[in-house]
């Protein structure tokens, strides 16, 4: 199923940012927060253009890996929002 991912950031010192991306997603609407530094570190180390991002709910760890590549996996814990 196609959909949109909205990424937003709020930093009192740097301001707000918002971006929308086209994604393929299956599941209910989910609002979840992550530490931007940890998320950026993971994406910097993935060289693929596409990633697989597995989410269960807003309080469970998420699994991030390069699309169709099981050789590299990262677990990212959500933050309370």
N, C-alpha and C. Protein backbone atom coordinates (compact mmCIF):
# COMPACT_ATOMS: atom_id res chain seq x y z
N UNK A 1 0.84 -1.16 0.00
CA UNK A 1 0.00 0.00 0.00
C UNK A 1 0.89 1.24 0.00
N UNK A 2 0.59 2.17 -0.83
CA UNK A 2 1.36 3.41 -0.88
C UNK A 2 0.82 4.39 0.14
N UNK A 3 1.69 5.25 0.59
CA UNK A 3 1.29 6.25 1.56
C UNK A 3 2.33 7.33 1.68
N UNK A 4 2.19 8.13 2.71
CA UNK A 4 3.13 9.22 2.95
C UNK A 4 3.67 9.09 4.36
N UNK A 5 4.94 9.39 4.49
CA UNK A 5 5.60 9.45 5.78
C UNK A 5 5.90 10.91 6.04
N UNK A 6 5.44 11.41 7.16
CA UNK A 6 5.74 12.79 7.53
C UNK A 6 6.80 12.77 8.61
N UNK A 7 7.91 13.41 8.36
CA UNK A 7 9.00 13.52 9.32
C UNK A 7 9.05 14.96 9.79
N UNK A 8 9.03 15.13 11.11
CA UNK A 8 9.10 16.49 11.64
C UNK A 8 10.13 16.55 12.76
N UNK A 9 10.69 17.72 12.94
CA UNK A 9 11.70 17.95 13.97
C UNK A 9 11.42 19.27 14.64
N UNK A 10 11.60 19.29 15.96
CA UNK A 10 11.38 20.51 16.71
C UNK A 10 12.57 20.70 17.64
N UNK A 11 13.28 21.80 17.44
CA UNK A 11 14.42 22.12 18.29
C UNK A 11 14.32 23.60 18.64
N UNK A 12 14.15 23.94 19.93
CA UNK A 12 13.98 25.35 20.31
C UNK A 12 15.12 26.25 19.83
N UNK A 13 16.34 25.71 19.72
CA UNK A 13 17.48 26.52 19.31
C UNK A 13 17.61 26.65 17.80
N UNK A 14 17.16 25.62 17.05
CA UNK A 14 17.34 25.60 15.60
C UNK A 14 16.06 25.79 14.81
N UNK A 15 14.90 25.64 15.45
CA UNK A 15 13.64 25.81 14.75
C UNK A 15 12.97 24.49 14.41
N UNK A 16 11.94 24.56 13.57
CA UNK A 16 11.15 23.40 13.17
C UNK A 16 11.43 23.03 11.72
N UNK A 17 11.24 21.75 11.43
CA UNK A 17 11.37 21.27 10.04
C UNK A 17 10.35 20.18 9.82
N UNK A 18 9.88 20.06 8.58
CA UNK A 18 8.91 19.03 8.23
C UNK A 18 9.16 18.58 6.79
N UNK A 19 9.09 17.27 6.57
CA UNK A 19 9.31 16.70 5.23
C UNK A 19 8.32 15.56 5.03
N UNK A 20 7.81 15.40 3.80
CA UNK A 20 6.93 14.29 3.45
C UNK A 20 7.60 13.42 2.41
N UNK A 21 7.53 12.09 2.59
CA UNK A 21 8.12 11.14 1.67
C UNK A 21 7.06 10.14 1.22
N UNK A 22 7.12 9.71 -0.03
CA UNK A 22 6.26 8.64 -0.52
C UNK A 22 6.83 7.31 -0.02
N UNK A 23 5.99 6.45 0.54
CA UNK A 23 6.45 5.17 1.07
C UNK A 23 5.46 4.06 0.72
N UNK A 24 5.91 2.84 0.88
CA UNK A 24 5.04 1.68 0.84
C UNK A 24 4.87 1.24 2.28
N UNK A 25 3.62 1.20 2.75
CA UNK A 25 3.36 0.94 4.16
C UNK A 25 2.13 0.06 4.32
N UNK A 26 2.21 -0.89 5.24
CA UNK A 26 1.07 -1.73 5.59
C UNK A 26 0.85 -1.61 7.09
N UNK A 27 -0.33 -1.21 7.50
CA UNK A 27 -0.63 -1.12 8.92
C UNK A 27 -1.40 0.14 9.25
N UNK A 28 -1.73 0.30 10.53
CA UNK A 28 -2.49 1.48 10.96
C UNK A 28 -1.61 2.72 10.99
N UNK A 29 -2.26 3.87 11.07
CA UNK A 29 -1.54 5.13 11.22
C UNK A 29 -0.78 5.09 12.55
N UNK A 30 0.47 5.53 12.52
CA UNK A 30 1.34 5.42 13.68
C UNK A 30 2.08 6.73 13.89
N UNK A 31 2.10 7.20 15.12
CA UNK A 31 2.87 8.40 15.48
C UNK A 31 3.94 7.94 16.46
N UNK A 32 5.22 8.11 16.07
CA UNK A 32 6.32 7.59 16.86
C UNK A 32 7.49 8.57 16.80
N UNK A 33 8.25 8.66 17.87
CA UNK A 33 9.38 9.58 17.92
C UNK A 33 10.69 8.85 18.15
N UNK A 34 11.75 9.35 17.52
CA UNK A 34 13.09 8.79 17.67
C UNK A 34 14.09 9.91 17.92
N UNK A 35 15.20 9.58 18.55
CA UNK A 35 16.30 10.52 18.68
C UNK A 35 16.90 10.72 17.29
N UNK A 36 16.88 11.95 16.81
CA UNK A 36 17.33 12.24 15.44
C UNK A 36 18.79 11.87 15.22
N UNK A 37 19.64 12.03 16.21
CA UNK A 37 21.07 11.69 16.06
C UNK A 37 21.24 10.19 15.81
N UNK A 38 20.56 9.36 16.61
CA UNK A 38 20.66 7.92 16.42
C UNK A 38 20.12 7.49 15.05
N UNK A 39 19.00 8.09 14.67
CA UNK A 39 18.39 7.76 13.38
C UNK A 39 19.31 8.16 12.22
N UNK A 40 19.90 9.32 12.31
CA UNK A 40 20.83 9.80 11.28
C UNK A 40 22.07 8.92 11.20
N UNK A 41 22.59 8.50 12.36
CA UNK A 41 23.76 7.60 12.37
C UNK A 41 23.47 6.30 11.63
N UNK A 42 22.29 5.73 11.83
CA UNK A 42 21.92 4.50 11.13
C UNK A 42 21.84 4.74 9.63
N UNK A 43 21.13 5.78 9.22
CA UNK A 43 20.96 6.04 7.79
C UNK A 43 22.28 6.37 7.11
N UNK A 44 23.22 6.98 7.81
CA UNK A 44 24.53 7.29 7.25
C UNK A 44 25.30 6.02 6.89
N UNK A 45 25.08 4.96 7.65
CA UNK A 45 25.80 3.70 7.43
C UNK A 45 25.11 2.76 6.47
N UNK A 46 23.92 3.11 6.01
CA UNK A 46 23.23 2.29 5.00
C UNK A 46 23.46 2.94 3.65
N UNK A 47 24.07 2.21 2.74
CA UNK A 47 24.42 2.77 1.44
C UNK A 47 23.34 2.57 0.38
N UNK A 48 22.31 1.77 0.69
CA UNK A 48 21.23 1.54 -0.27
C UNK A 48 20.34 2.77 -0.40
N UNK A 49 19.70 2.90 -1.54
CA UNK A 49 18.77 4.01 -1.76
C UNK A 49 17.48 3.80 -0.97
N UNK A 50 17.08 2.53 -0.75
CA UNK A 50 15.85 2.20 -0.05
C UNK A 50 16.17 1.44 1.23
N UNK A 51 15.33 1.64 2.25
CA UNK A 51 15.49 0.90 3.50
C UNK A 51 14.19 0.20 3.85
N UNK A 52 14.29 -0.85 4.67
CA UNK A 52 13.14 -1.50 5.27
C UNK A 52 13.09 -1.04 6.72
N UNK A 53 11.95 -0.54 7.12
CA UNK A 53 11.77 0.03 8.45
C UNK A 53 10.57 -0.68 9.07
N UNK A 54 10.82 -1.60 9.99
CA UNK A 54 9.76 -2.40 10.59
C UNK A 54 9.35 -1.81 11.93
N UNK A 55 8.06 -1.47 12.02
CA UNK A 55 7.50 -0.86 13.22
C UNK A 55 6.36 -1.73 13.75
N UNK A 56 6.29 -1.87 15.06
CA UNK A 56 5.18 -2.63 15.66
C UNK A 56 4.17 -1.66 16.26
N UNK A 57 4.62 -0.81 17.16
CA UNK A 57 3.78 0.20 17.78
C UNK A 57 4.68 1.31 18.30
N UNK A 58 4.08 2.33 18.92
CA UNK A 58 4.86 3.51 19.31
C UNK A 58 5.79 3.29 20.50
N UNK A 59 5.70 2.13 21.18
CA UNK A 59 6.58 1.92 22.32
C UNK A 59 7.53 0.73 22.15
N UNK A 60 7.47 0.06 21.00
CA UNK A 60 8.34 -1.09 20.75
C UNK A 60 9.54 -0.70 19.89
N UNK A 61 10.66 -1.41 20.03
CA UNK A 61 11.83 -1.13 19.19
C UNK A 61 11.51 -1.33 17.71
N UNK A 62 12.18 -0.57 16.85
CA UNK A 62 12.01 -0.68 15.40
C UNK A 62 13.26 -1.30 14.80
N UNK A 63 13.06 -2.02 13.72
CA UNK A 63 14.16 -2.66 13.01
C UNK A 63 14.38 -1.93 11.69
N UNK A 64 15.63 -1.53 11.44
CA UNK A 64 15.97 -0.80 10.21
C UNK A 64 17.09 -1.56 9.52
N UNK A 65 16.93 -1.77 8.21
CA UNK A 65 17.97 -2.45 7.44
C UNK A 65 17.87 -2.02 5.98
N UNK A 66 18.96 -2.22 5.22
CA UNK A 66 18.90 -1.93 3.78
C UNK A 66 17.84 -2.82 3.13
N UNK A 67 17.16 -2.30 2.14
CA UNK A 67 16.11 -3.05 1.45
C UNK A 67 16.67 -4.33 0.84
N UNK A 68 16.03 -5.46 1.13
CA UNK A 68 16.41 -6.78 0.61
C UNK A 68 17.83 -7.18 0.97
N UNK A 69 18.32 -6.74 2.13
CA UNK A 69 19.68 -7.08 2.57
C UNK A 69 19.64 -7.40 4.06
N UNK A 70 19.81 -8.66 4.41
CA UNK A 70 19.75 -9.08 5.81
C UNK A 70 21.11 -9.05 6.50
N UNK A 71 22.15 -8.60 5.80
CA UNK A 71 23.50 -8.62 6.38
C UNK A 71 23.75 -7.48 7.37
N UNK A 72 22.91 -6.46 7.39
CA UNK A 72 23.08 -5.32 8.28
C UNK A 72 21.72 -4.95 8.87
N UNK A 73 21.61 -4.99 10.18
CA UNK A 73 20.34 -4.64 10.85
C UNK A 73 20.64 -3.75 12.04
N UNK A 74 19.73 -2.81 12.29
CA UNK A 74 19.85 -1.93 13.44
C UNK A 74 18.52 -1.90 14.19
N UNK A 75 18.60 -1.83 15.50
CA UNK A 75 17.42 -1.69 16.33
C UNK A 75 17.43 -0.29 16.92
N UNK A 76 16.30 0.39 16.81
CA UNK A 76 16.18 1.77 17.29
C UNK A 76 15.00 1.85 18.26
N UNK A 77 15.28 2.30 19.46
CA UNK A 77 14.24 2.45 20.48
C UNK A 77 13.53 3.79 20.31
N UNK A 78 12.21 3.79 20.40
CA UNK A 78 11.47 5.05 20.29
C UNK A 78 11.56 5.87 21.57
N UNK A 79 11.25 7.15 21.42
CA UNK A 79 11.19 8.07 22.56
C UNK A 79 9.71 8.34 22.84
N UNK A 80 9.41 8.71 24.04
CA UNK A 80 8.02 9.12 24.35
C UNK A 80 7.76 10.49 23.75
N UNK A 81 6.60 10.63 23.11
CA UNK A 81 6.23 11.92 22.53
C UNK A 81 4.92 12.41 23.10
